[in-house]
Amino acid sequence: MLNCDYTGNTSYKFYNKCIIESEDINIVGEYPANKIEKVLTCFADTDKWTEFYLPEIVDIPTQKPDMEGIVEVHSCVEIISQRVIKTPVVMGYTNTAGNFISGENIPNAECTNLTGRKLIIEGLLKQKVIYTADDDEQSLHSANFEIPFSTFIIIEKDTPLSQQFRITPYIEDIFVSRLSERSVFKNTTIFIKASKVC
């Protein structure tokens, strides 16, 4: 995926700032914020969700010309697999005074509990970067990228390992910046809703 050695042996000139103020990049694939709010208000008791981001540095393929500027980014998420797995169950912990506190509902700082079950979700972030070539014609070119990801959602302890979920991904935000004439930084924030299939 990365064609360059970013530790100093790269042959490309990197810019000393990420955002080029003159670039106006069109983003295609983000789910509108007001519709994400609607998704959150239409939850059933069995619906679960997670949110994460995918930062990445990608290089324009060698057969493509150098990049002068980014014009547009198209993004979508494809879910390729899901499975329920067994995990440890929190049965208690020892506090700072050395006392054992028993119980199976002890949340961490993110207010999640280890229940003994997690839903593992794997997918691909598919993106197309459309850019102008750094030449006299300033022709349009595109580069396609597929970035795999894996995330999880903690689910109820009595969930069968064979349970299937309807997985609905939403792209909340995409940040993109040209790092050099050959390299692009992208950061995509993804929200995933999982609903039990009866």
Protein backbone atom coordinates (compact mmCIF):
# COMPACT_ATOMS: atom_id res chain seq x y z
CA MET A 1 0.00 0.00 0.00
CA LEU A 2 2.74 2.47 0.84
CA ASN A 3 5.25 2.90 -1.97
CA CYS A 4 7.44 5.42 -0.16
CA ASP A 5 9.76 5.21 2.80
CA TYR A 6 8.41 8.03 4.98
CA THR A 7 11.48 7.99 7.22
CA GLY A 8 13.64 10.03 4.88
CA ASN A 9 14.43 8.09 1.72
CA THR A 10 11.42 9.35 -0.20
CA SER A 11 12.04 11.09 -3.49
CA TYR A 12 8.97 13.32 -3.09
CA LYS A 13 8.78 16.80 -1.65
CA PHE A 14 6.43 16.90 1.36
CA TYR A 15 4.62 20.12 2.20
CA ASN A 16 5.12 21.66 5.62
CA LYS A 17 1.39 22.10 6.21
CA CYS A 18 -1.44 19.64 5.73
CA ILE A 19 -4.31 21.82 4.60
CA ILE A 20 -3.81 23.79 1.43
CA GLU A 21 -6.25 26.70 1.91
CA SER A 22 -6.89 27.14 -1.81
CA GLU A 23 -8.15 23.57 -2.26
CA ASP A 24 -11.92 23.06 -2.27
CA ILE A 25 -12.41 19.29 -2.21
CA ASN A 26 -15.82 17.77 -2.94
CA ILE A 27 -16.61 14.86 -0.59
CA VAL A 28 -19.08 12.19 -1.78
CA GLY A 29 -20.33 9.47 0.56
CA GLU A 30 -20.75 11.23 3.92
CA TYR A 31 -24.07 10.62 5.65
CA PRO A 32 -25.70 13.95 6.65
CA ALA A 33 -25.37 14.77 10.36
CA ASN A 34 -29.11 15.37 10.81
CA LYS A 35 -29.83 11.89 9.42
CA ILE A 36 -27.27 10.29 11.77
CA GLU A 37 -29.23 11.89 14.65
CA LYS A 38 -32.40 10.27 13.25
CA VAL A 39 -30.64 6.88 13.14
CA LEU A 40 -29.74 7.29 16.83
CA THR A 41 -33.32 8.13 17.84
CA CYS A 42 -34.79 5.08 16.03
CA PHE A 43 -32.97 2.48 18.13
CA ALA A 44 -34.63 -0.65 19.49
CA ASP A 45 -33.43 -2.15 22.79
CA THR A 46 -31.46 -4.80 20.89
CA ASP A 47 -29.64 -2.32 18.61
CA LYS A 48 -25.96 -1.71 19.27
CA TRP A 49 -23.44 0.67 17.75
CA THR A 50 -19.79 1.59 17.54
CA GLU A 51 -17.80 4.43 16.08
CA PHE A 52 -14.19 4.53 14.93
CA TYR A 53 -11.87 6.28 12.52
CA LEU A 54 -9.44 5.05 9.86
CA PRO A 55 -6.38 7.28 9.37
CA GLU A 56 -4.22 6.35 6.41
CA ILE A 57 -1.52 7.56 4.06
CA VAL A 58 -1.93 6.29 0.52
CA ASP A 59 0.24 6.76 -2.56
CA ILE A 60 -0.87 7.47 -6.10
CA PRO A 61 -0.04 4.35 -8.19
CA THR A 62 3.25 4.62 -10.07
CA GLN A 63 1.59 4.43 -13.51
CA LYS A 64 -0.43 7.60 -12.74
CA PRO A 65 0.91 11.17 -13.12
CA ASP A 66 1.89 13.40 -10.21
CA MET A 67 -0.91 15.25 -8.41
CA GLU A 68 -1.35 19.01 -8.42
CA GLY A 69 -4.54 19.07 -6.35
CA ILE A 70 -7.35 16.89 -5.06
CA VAL A 71 -10.73 17.58 -6.68
CA GLU A 72 -13.04 14.97 -5.16
CA VAL A 73 -13.17 11.91 -2.90
CA HIS A 74 -15.84 9.18 -3.26
CA SER A 75 -16.24 6.78 -0.32
CA CYS A 76 -18.36 3.82 0.68
CA VAL A 77 -18.16 1.03 3.26
CA GLU A 78 -18.61 -2.66 2.41
CA ILE A 79 -19.21 -5.11 5.27
CA ILE A 80 -17.55 -8.43 4.40
CA SER A 81 -18.08 -10.51 7.55
CA GLN A 82 -19.55 -10.65 11.04
CA ARG A 83 -19.35 -13.17 13.85
CA VAL A 84 -20.13 -13.43 17.55
CA ILE A 85 -17.21 -14.54 19.71
CA LYS A 86 -16.72 -15.51 23.36
CA THR A 87 -14.71 -13.08 25.48
CA PRO A 88 -13.71 -12.86 29.16
CA VAL A 89 -16.40 -11.87 31.65
CA VAL A 90 -15.67 -9.34 34.38
CA MET A 91 -16.33 -11.06 37.70
CA GLY A 92 -14.80 -8.35 39.85
CA TYR A 93 -11.69 -6.32 40.45
CA THR A 94 -9.32 -5.22 43.18
CA ASN A 95 -9.53 -1.52 44.01
CA THR A 96 -6.57 0.69 44.97
CA ALA A 97 -7.07 -0.13 48.67
CA GLY A 98 -6.58 -3.83 47.89
CA ASN A 99 -10.23 -4.82 48.42
CA PHE A 100 -11.90 -7.21 45.97
CA ILE A 101 -15.13 -5.79 44.49
CA SER A 102 -17.30 -8.56 43.07
CA GLY A 103 -19.84 -8.27 40.27
CA GLU A 104 -20.22 -8.83 36.55
CA ASN A 105 -21.32 -5.32 35.62
CA ILE A 106 -18.18 -3.28 36.12
CA PRO A 107 -17.76 -0.71 33.33
CA ASN A 108 -14.49 0.72 32.09
CA ALA A 109 -13.83 4.43 31.42
CA GLU A 110 -15.81 4.16 28.16
CA CYS A 111 -18.85 2.79 30.03
CA THR A 112 -18.61 -0.63 28.39
CA ASN A 113 -18.83 -3.96 30.19
CA LEU A 114 -17.19 -7.27 29.33
CA THR A 115 -20.23 -9.51 28.99
CA GLY A 116 -18.61 -12.62 27.52
CA ARG A 117 -19.74 -11.83 23.96
CA LYS A 118 -18.57 -9.48 21.20
CA LEU A 119 -19.78 -8.95 17.67
CA ILE A 120 -16.76 -8.75 15.37
CA ILE A 121 -17.37 -6.75 12.18
CA GLU A 122 -14.92 -6.71 9.27
CA GLY A 123 -15.17 -4.61 6.16
CA LEU A 124 -13.56 -2.52 3.47
CA LEU A 125 -13.43 1.24 3.15
CA LYS A 126 -13.53 1.81 -0.62
CA GLN A 127 -12.40 5.22 -1.84
CA LYS A 128 -11.69 6.94 -5.13
CA VAL A 129 -9.53 10.07 -5.11
CA ILE A 130 -10.01 12.27 -8.18
CA TYR A 131 -7.19 14.73 -8.77
CA THR A 132 -5.70 17.10 -11.33
CA ALA A 133 -2.39 16.09 -12.83
CA ASP A 134 0.64 18.28 -12.21
CA ASP A 135 1.25 18.99 -15.91
CA ASP A 136 0.37 21.64 -18.50
CA GLU A 137 -2.96 20.00 -19.43
CA GLN A 138 -4.08 19.57 -15.80
CA SER A 139 -6.06 16.49 -16.83
CA LEU A 140 -8.26 14.64 -14.31
CA HIS A 141 -7.14 11.27 -12.98
CA SER A 142 -8.35 8.94 -10.26
CA ALA A 143 -6.82 6.45 -7.89
CA ASN A 144 -8.82 3.73 -6.11
CA PHE A 145 -8.03 2.46 -2.62
CA GLU A 146 -9.51 -0.32 -0.47
CA ILE A 147 -8.60 -0.25 3.20
CA PRO A 148 -9.61 -3.25 5.36
CA PHE A 149 -10.85 -2.73 8.91
CA SER A 150 -12.04 -4.76 11.87
CA THR A 151 -14.04 -3.45 14.81
CA PHE A 152 -16.23 -4.87 17.57
CA ILE A 153 -19.37 -4.20 19.57
CA ILE A 154 -19.90 -5.64 23.06
CA ILE A 155 -23.25 -7.47 23.08
CA GLU A 156 -25.46 -9.25 25.63
CA LYS A 157 -23.99 -12.24 27.49
CA ASP A 158 -26.76 -14.62 26.37
CA THR A 159 -26.28 -13.93 22.64
CA PRO A 160 -25.86 -17.23 20.75
CA LEU A 161 -22.60 -17.59 18.78
CA SER A 162 -24.74 -18.20 15.67
CA GLN A 163 -26.70 -14.92 16.03
CA GLN A 164 -26.76 -12.77 12.88
CA PHE A 165 -27.06 -8.98 12.82
CA ARG A 166 -28.11 -6.44 10.22
CA ILE A 167 -25.00 -4.25 9.97
CA THR A 168 -25.53 -0.71 8.71
CA PRO A 169 -22.42 1.46 8.21
CA TYR A 170 -22.51 5.26 7.94
CA ILE A 171 -19.61 7.55 6.98
CA GLU A 172 -19.77 10.52 9.33
CA ASP A 173 -16.76 12.51 8.18
CA ILE A 174 -13.91 12.41 5.68
CA PHE A 175 -10.81 14.55 6.00
CA VAL A 176 -8.36 14.46 3.09
CA SER A 177 -5.14 16.36 2.49
CA ARG A 178 -2.39 16.21 -0.12
CA LEU A 179 0.95 15.48 1.55
CA SER A 180 3.04 15.54 -1.63
CA GLU A 181 2.61 15.16 -5.37
CA ARG A 182 2.33 11.39 -4.80
CA SER A 183 0.85 10.99 -1.29
CA VAL A 184 -2.53 11.65 0.31
CA PHE A 185 -3.56 11.59 3.97
CA LYS A 186 -7.16 10.49 4.59
CA ASN A 187 -9.06 10.11 7.84
CA THR A 188 -12.57 8.62 7.73
CA THR A 189 -14.94 8.49 10.72
CA ILE A 190 -17.33 5.55 10.52
CA PHE A 191 -20.47 4.85 12.59
CA ILE A 192 -21.84 1.26 12.54
CA LYS A 193 -25.28 0.18 13.77
CA ALA A 194 -25.97 -3.51 14.42
CA SER A 195 -29.52 -4.86 14.79
CA LYS A 196 -30.34 -8.47 15.72
CA VAL A 197 -31.90 -10.52 12.94
CA CYS A 198 -34.77 -12.66 14.29
